[in-house]
Amino acid sequence: MTASLFIDGSWTSGSGARRGAVLDPATGAKIGEVAFAETADLDRALAAAEKGFRTWRRVSPYD
């Protein structure tokens, strides 16, 4: 199992090469990896959030 980052509507493996192990808590065995977000990934996520906010702030709570 490899977990990716979901940024701006798509899955990405991240901009860096750093990964972390996902361990089974019962056995301690490695069952997968997860991508670590780098600064560039966080910048992309923030830009996507700002874009979404600009769109959704014009929608009334009733809609």
PDB file of N, CA and C in Angstrom:
ATOM      1  N   MET A   1       0.844  -1.170   0.000  1.00  0.00           N
ATOM      2  CA  MET A   1       0.000   0.000   0.000  1.00  0.00           C
ATOM      3  C   MET A   1       0.896   1.243   0.000  1.00  0.00           C
ATOM      4  N   THR A   2       0.615   2.153  -0.886  1.00  0.00           N
ATOM      5  CA  THR A   2       1.313   3.427  -0.915  1.00  0.00           C
ATOM      6  C   THR A   2       0.273   4.532  -0.853  1.00  0.00           C
ATOM      7  N   ALA A   3       0.372   5.383   0.130  1.00  0.00           N
ATOM      8  CA  ALA A   3      -0.559   6.493   0.286  1.00  0.00           C
ATOM      9  C   ALA A   3       0.055   7.739  -0.336  1.00  0.00           C
ATOM     10  N   SER A   4      -0.741   8.401  -1.173  1.00  0.00           N
ATOM     11  CA  SER A   4      -0.305   9.617  -1.855  1.00  0.00           C
ATOM     12  C   SER A   4      -0.953  10.835  -1.222  1.00  0.00           C
ATOM     13  N   LEU A   5      -0.628  12.000  -1.735  1.00  0.00           N
ATOM     14  CA  LEU A   5      -1.212  13.259  -1.286  1.00  0.00           C
ATOM     15  C   LEU A   5      -2.314  13.664  -2.253  1.00  0.00           C
ATOM     16  N   PHE A   6      -3.462  14.121  -1.737  1.00  0.00           N
ATOM     17  CA  PHE A   6      -4.559  14.598  -2.573  1.00  0.00           C
ATOM     18  C   PHE A   6      -4.528  16.116  -2.544  1.00  0.00           C
ATOM     19  N   ILE A   7      -4.102  16.716  -3.656  1.00  0.00           N
ATOM     20  CA  ILE A   7      -3.952  18.165  -3.742  1.00  0.00           C
ATOM     21  C   ILE A   7      -4.640  18.671  -5.002  1.00  0.00           C
ATOM     22  N   ASP A   8      -5.521  19.640  -4.822  1.00  0.00           N
ATOM     23  CA  ASP A   8      -6.207  20.307  -5.932  1.00  0.00           C
ATOM     24  C   ASP A   8      -6.926  19.323  -6.852  1.00  0.00           C
ATOM     25  N   GLY A   9      -7.587  18.341  -6.255  1.00  0.00           N
ATOM     26  CA  GLY A   9      -8.412  17.417  -7.020  1.00  0.00           C
ATOM     27  C   GLY A   9      -7.694  16.251  -7.653  1.00  0.00           C
ATOM     28  N   SER A  10      -6.422  16.059  -7.349  1.00  0.00           N
ATOM     29  CA  SER A  10      -5.718  14.918  -7.937  1.00  0.00           C
ATOM     30  C   SER A  10      -4.716  14.334  -6.947  1.00  0.00           C
ATOM     31  N   TRP A  11      -4.431  13.060  -7.131  1.00  0.00           N
ATOM     32  CA  TRP A  11      -3.467  12.359  -6.292  1.00  0.00           C
ATOM     33  C   TRP A  11      -2.065  12.582  -6.822  1.00  0.00           C
ATOM     34  N   THR A  12      -1.122  12.814  -5.921  1.00  0.00           N
ATOM     35  CA  THR A  12       0.264  13.044  -6.295  1.00  0.00           C
ATOM     36  C   THR A  12       1.182  12.339  -5.300  1.00  0.00           C
ATOM     37  N   SER A  13       2.330  11.954  -5.774  1.00  0.00           N
ATOM     38  CA  SER A  13       3.285  11.283  -4.892  1.00  0.00           C
ATOM     39  C   SER A  13       4.116  12.271  -4.090  1.00  0.00           C
ATOM     40  N   GLY A  14       3.883  13.554  -4.283  1.00  0.00           N
ATOM     41  CA  GLY A  14       4.629  14.579  -3.557  1.00  0.00           C
ATOM     42  C   GLY A  14       5.838  15.041  -4.350  1.00  0.00           C
ATOM     43  N   SER A  15       6.327  16.209  -3.999  1.00  0.00           N
ATOM     44  CA  SER A  15       7.432  16.786  -4.765  1.00  0.00           C
ATOM     45  C   SER A  15       8.790  16.281  -4.303  1.00  0.00           C
ATOM     46  N   GLY A  16       8.845  15.679  -3.145  1.00  0.00           N
ATOM     47  CA  GLY A  16      10.114  15.173  -2.617  1.00  0.00           C
ATOM     48  C   GLY A  16      10.166  13.659  -2.664  1.00  0.00           C
ATOM     49  N   ALA A  17      11.271  13.136  -2.215  1.00  0.00           N
ATOM     50  CA  ALA A  17      11.456  11.685  -2.232  1.00  0.00           C
ATOM     51  C   ALA A  17      11.222  11.060  -0.859  1.00  0.00           C
ATOM     52  N   ARG A  18      10.941  11.889   0.148  1.00  0.00           N
ATOM     53  CA  ARG A  18      10.786  11.354   1.505  1.00  0.00           C
ATOM     54  C   ARG A  18       9.497  10.552   1.645  1.00  0.00           C
ATOM     55  N   ARG A  19       9.609   9.401   2.259  1.00  0.00           N
ATOM     56  CA  ARG A  19       8.474   8.524   2.518  1.00  0.00           C
ATOM     57  C   ARG A  19       8.583   8.026   3.955  1.00  0.00           C
ATOM     58  N   GLY A  20       7.449   7.688   4.526  1.00  0.00           N
ATOM     59  CA  GLY A  20       7.439   7.118   5.861  1.00  0.00           C
ATOM     60  C   GLY A  20       6.786   5.755   5.836  1.00  0.00           C
ATOM     61  N   ALA A  21       7.243   4.896   6.679  1.00  0.00           N
ATOM     62  CA  ALA A  21       6.692   3.544   6.746  1.00  0.00           C
ATOM     63  C   ALA A  21       5.359   3.554   7.492  1.00  0.00           C
ATOM     64  N   VAL A  22       4.430   2.730   7.028  1.00  0.00           N
ATOM     65  CA  VAL A  22       3.174   2.474   7.729  1.00  0.00           C
ATOM     66  C   VAL A  22       3.323   1.096   8.345  1.00  0.00           C
ATOM     67  N   LEU A  23       3.198   1.047   9.669  1.00  0.00           N
ATOM     68  CA  LEU A  23       3.438  -0.202  10.377  1.00  0.00           C
ATOM     69  C   LEU A  23       2.143  -0.782  10.932  1.00  0.00           C
ATOM     70  N   ASP A  24       2.038  -2.094  10.888  1.00  0.00           N
ATOM     71  CA  ASP A  24       0.932  -2.804  11.513  1.00  0.00           C
ATOM     72  C   ASP A  24       1.162  -2.727  13.024  1.00  0.00           C
ATOM     73  N   PRO A  25       0.241  -2.119  13.782  1.00  0.00           N
ATOM     74  CA  PRO A  25       0.484  -1.961  15.217  1.00  0.00           C
ATOM     75  C   PRO A  25       0.506  -3.289  15.984  1.00  0.00           C
ATOM     76  N   ALA A  26      -0.114  -4.313  15.433  1.00  0.00           N
ATOM     77  CA  ALA A  26      -0.139  -5.602  16.127  1.00  0.00           C
ATOM     78  C   ALA A  26       1.174  -6.361  15.973  1.00  0.00           C
ATOM     79  N   THR A  27       1.807  -6.220  14.803  1.00  0.00           N
ATOM     80  CA  THR A  27       3.008  -7.011  14.542  1.00  0.00           C
ATOM     81  C   THR A  27       4.269  -6.175  14.365  1.00  0.00           C
ATOM     82  N   GLY A  28       4.088  -4.894  14.080  1.00  0.00           N
ATOM     83  CA  GLY A  28       5.233  -4.038  13.800  1.00  0.00           C
ATOM     84  C   GLY A  28       5.756  -4.184  12.381  1.00  0.00           C
ATOM     85  N   ALA A  29       5.103  -5.026  11.582  1.00  0.00           N
ATOM     86  CA  ALA A  29       5.534  -5.248  10.196  1.00  0.00           C
ATOM     87  C   ALA A  29       5.159  -4.052   9.321  1.00  0.00           C
ATOM     88  N   LYS A  30       6.023  -3.751   8.377  1.00  0.00           N
ATOM     89  CA  LYS A  30       5.750  -2.670   7.423  1.00  0.00           C
ATOM     90  C   LYS A  30       4.680  -3.145   6.448  1.00  0.00           C
ATOM     91  N   ILE A  31       3.599  -2.352   6.327  1.00  0.00           N
ATOM     92  CA  ILE A  31       2.510  -2.718   5.416  1.00  0.00           C
ATOM     93  C   ILE A  31       2.334  -1.705   4.290  1.00  0.00           C
ATOM     94  N   GLY A  32       3.102  -0.631   4.307  1.00  0.00           N
ATOM     95  CA  GLY A  32       2.996   0.356   3.248  1.00  0.00           C
ATOM     96  C   GLY A  32       3.880   1.541   3.495  1.00  0.00           C
ATOM     97  N   GLU A  33       3.685   2.560   2.649  1.00  0.00           N
ATOM     98  CA  GLU A  33       4.434   3.809   2.758  1.00  0.00           C
ATOM     99  C   GLU A  33       3.488   4.975   2.549  1.00  0.00           C
ATOM    100  N   VAL A  34       3.847   6.094   3.132  1.00  0.00           N
ATOM    101  CA  VAL A  34       3.090   7.324   2.959  1.00  0.00           C
ATOM    102  C   VAL A  34       4.061   8.425   2.536  1.00  0.00           C
ATOM    103  N   ALA A  35       3.605   9.268   1.604  1.00  0.00           N
ATOM    104  CA  ALA A  35       4.430  10.386   1.142  1.00  0.00           C
ATOM    105  C   ALA A  35       4.420  11.494   2.180  1.00  0.00           C
ATOM    106  N   PHE A  36       5.563  12.121   2.386  1.00  0.00           N
ATOM    107  CA  PHE A  36       5.652  13.293   3.254  1.00  0.00           C
ATOM    108  C   PHE A  36       5.463  14.535   2.390  1.00  0.00           C
ATOM    109  N   ALA A  37       4.645  15.469   2.862  1.00  0.00           N
ATOM    110  CA  ALA A  37       4.441  16.722   2.142  1.00  0.00           C
ATOM    111  C   ALA A  37       5.652  17.626   2.350  1.00  0.00           C
ATOM    112  N   GLU A  38       6.142  18.173   1.267  1.00  0.00           N
ATOM    113  CA  GLU A  38       7.234  19.145   1.307  1.00  0.00           C
ATOM    114  C   GLU A  38       6.634  20.549   1.213  1.00  0.00           C
ATOM    115  N   THR A  39       7.451  21.555   1.342  1.00  0.00           N
ATOM    116  CA  THR A  39       6.979  22.940   1.285  1.00  0.00           C
ATOM    117  C   THR A  39       6.246  23.223  -0.029  1.00  0.00           C
ATOM    118  N   ALA A  40       6.753  22.722  -1.138  1.00  0.00           N
ATOM    119  CA  ALA A  40       6.102  22.949  -2.435  1.00  0.00           C
ATOM    120  C   ALA A  40       4.704  22.326  -2.464  1.00  0.00           C
ATOM    121  N   ASP A  41       4.538  21.163  -1.841  1.00  0.00           N
ATOM    122  CA  ASP A  41       3.224  20.520  -1.787  1.00  0.00           C
ATOM    123  C   ASP A  41       2.254  21.352  -0.947  1.00  0.00           C
ATOM    124  N   LEU A  42       2.740  21.870   0.171  1.00  0.00           N
ATOM    125  CA  LEU A  42       1.900  22.706   1.028  1.00  0.00           C
ATOM    126  C   LEU A  42       1.516  24.002   0.316  1.00  0.00           C
ATOM    127  N   ASP A  43       2.432  24.573  -0.457  1.00  0.00           N
ATOM    128  CA  ASP A  43       2.119  25.778  -1.230  1.00  0.00           C
ATOM    129  C   ASP A  43       1.031  25.493  -2.261  1.00  0.00           C
ATOM    130  N   ARG A  44       1.133  24.349  -2.934  1.00  0.00           N
ATOM    131  CA  ARG A  44       0.094  23.974  -3.913  1.00  0.00           C
ATOM    132  C   ARG A  44      -1.252  23.765  -3.237  1.00  0.00           C
ATOM    133  N   ALA A  45      -1.258  23.127  -2.063  1.00  0.00           N
ATOM    134  CA  ALA A  45      -2.499  22.886  -1.333  1.00  0.00           C
ATOM    135  C   ALA A  45      -3.124  24.207  -0.869  1.00  0.00           C
ATOM    136  N   LEU A  46      -2.303  25.135  -0.405  1.00  0.00           N
ATOM    137  CA  LEU A  46      -2.800  26.438   0.018  1.00  0.00           C
ATOM    138  C   LEU A  46      -3.389  27.210  -1.161  1.00  0.00           C
ATOM    139  N   ALA A  47      -2.732  27.174  -2.310  1.00  0.00           N
ATOM    140  CA  ALA A  47      -3.246  27.849  -3.506  1.00  0.00           C
ATOM    141  C   ALA A  47      -4.579  27.244  -3.928  1.00  0.00           C
ATOM    142  N   ALA A  48      -4.716  25.938  -3.828  1.00  0.00           N
ATOM    143  CA  ALA A  48      -5.973  25.276  -4.173  1.00  0.00           C
ATOM    144  C   ALA A  48      -7.082  25.675  -3.201  1.00  0.00           C
ATOM    145  N   ALA A  49      -6.747  25.782  -1.923  1.00  0.00           N
ATOM    146  CA  ALA A  49      -7.737  26.194  -0.922  1.00  0.00           C
ATOM    147  C   ALA A  49      -8.188  27.629  -1.168  1.00  0.00           C
ATOM    148  N   GLU A  50      -7.254  28.497  -1.515  1.00  0.00           N
ATOM    149  CA  GLU A  50      -7.610  29.886  -1.818  1.00  0.00           C
ATOM    150  C   GLU A  50      -8.509  29.967  -3.038  1.00  0.00           C
ATOM    151  N   LYS A  51      -8.215  29.158  -4.060  1.00  0.00           N
ATOM    152  CA  LYS A  51      -9.044  29.126  -5.269  1.00  0.00           C
ATOM    153  C   LYS A  51     -10.457  28.653  -4.920  1.00  0.00           C
ATOM    154  N   GLY A  52     -10.552  27.624  -4.107  1.00  0.00           N
ATOM    155  CA  GLY A  52     -11.861  27.125  -3.688  1.00  0.00           C
ATOM    156  C   GLY A  52     -12.626  28.148  -2.872  1.00  0.00           C
ATOM    157  N   PHE A  53     -11.939  28.844  -1.992  1.00  0.00           N
ATOM    158  CA  PHE A  53     -12.593  29.865  -1.179  1.00  0.00           C
ATOM    159  C   PHE A  53     -13.150  30.980  -2.050  1.00  0.00           C
ATOM    160  N   ARG A  54     -12.380  31.428  -3.053  1.00  0.00           N
ATOM    161  CA  ARG A  54     -12.867  32.496  -3.940  1.00  0.00           C
ATOM    162  C   ARG A  54     -14.138  32.066  -4.658  1.00  0.00           C
ATOM    163  N   THR A  55     -14.241  30.791  -5.002  1.00  0.00           N
ATOM    164  CA  THR A  55     -15.428  30.276  -5.686  1.00  0.00           C
ATOM    165  C   THR A  55     -16.603  30.141  -4.723  1.00  0.00           C
ATOM    166  N   TRP A  56     -16.390  29.483  -3.593  1.00  0.00           N
ATOM    167  CA  TRP A  56     -17.486  29.148  -2.686  1.00  0.00           C
ATOM    168  C   TRP A  56     -17.964  30.310  -1.828  1.00  0.00           C
ATOM    169  N   ARG A  57     -17.179  31.357  -1.679  1.00  0.00           N
ATOM    170  CA  ARG A  57     -17.632  32.472  -0.842  1.00  0.00           C
ATOM    171  C   ARG A  57     -18.791  33.218  -1.479  1.00  0.00           C
ATOM    172  N   ARG A  58     -18.992  33.045  -2.764  1.00  0.00           N
ATOM    173  CA  ARG A  58     -20.107  33.699  -3.464  1.00  0.00           C
ATOM    174  C   ARG A  58     -21.396  32.888  -3.400  1.00  0.00           C
ATOM    175  N   VAL A  59     -21.330  31.684  -2.866  1.00  0.00           N
ATOM    176  CA  VAL A  59     -22.509  30.814  -2.799  1.00  0.00           C
ATOM    177  C   VAL A  59     -23.187  31.017  -1.447  1.00  0.00           C
ATOM    178  N   SER A  60     -24.491  31.228  -1.482  1.00  0.00           N
ATOM    179  CA  SER A  60     -25.210  31.455  -0.239  1.00  0.00           C
ATOM    180  C   SER A  60     -25.335  30.149   0.550  1.00  0.00           C
ATOM    181  N   PRO A  61     -25.534  30.248   1.858  1.00  0.00           N
ATOM    182  CA  PRO A  61     -25.703  29.036   2.676  1.00  0.00           C
ATOM    183  C   PRO A  61     -26.922  28.220   2.240  1.00  0.00           C
ATOM    184  N   TYR A  62     -27.894  28.859   1.633  1.00  0.00           N
ATOM    185  CA  TYR A  62     -29.096  28.151   1.205  1.00  0.00           C
ATOM    186  C   TYR A  62     -28.863  27.319  -0.043  1.00  0.00           C
ATOM    187  N   ASP A  63     -27.871  27.693  -0.827  1.00  0.00           N
ATOM    188  CA  ASP A  63     -27.573  26.928  -2.046  1.00  0.00           C
ATOM    189  C   ASP A  63     -26.706  25.756  -1.704  1.00  0.00           C
TER     190      ASP A  63
END
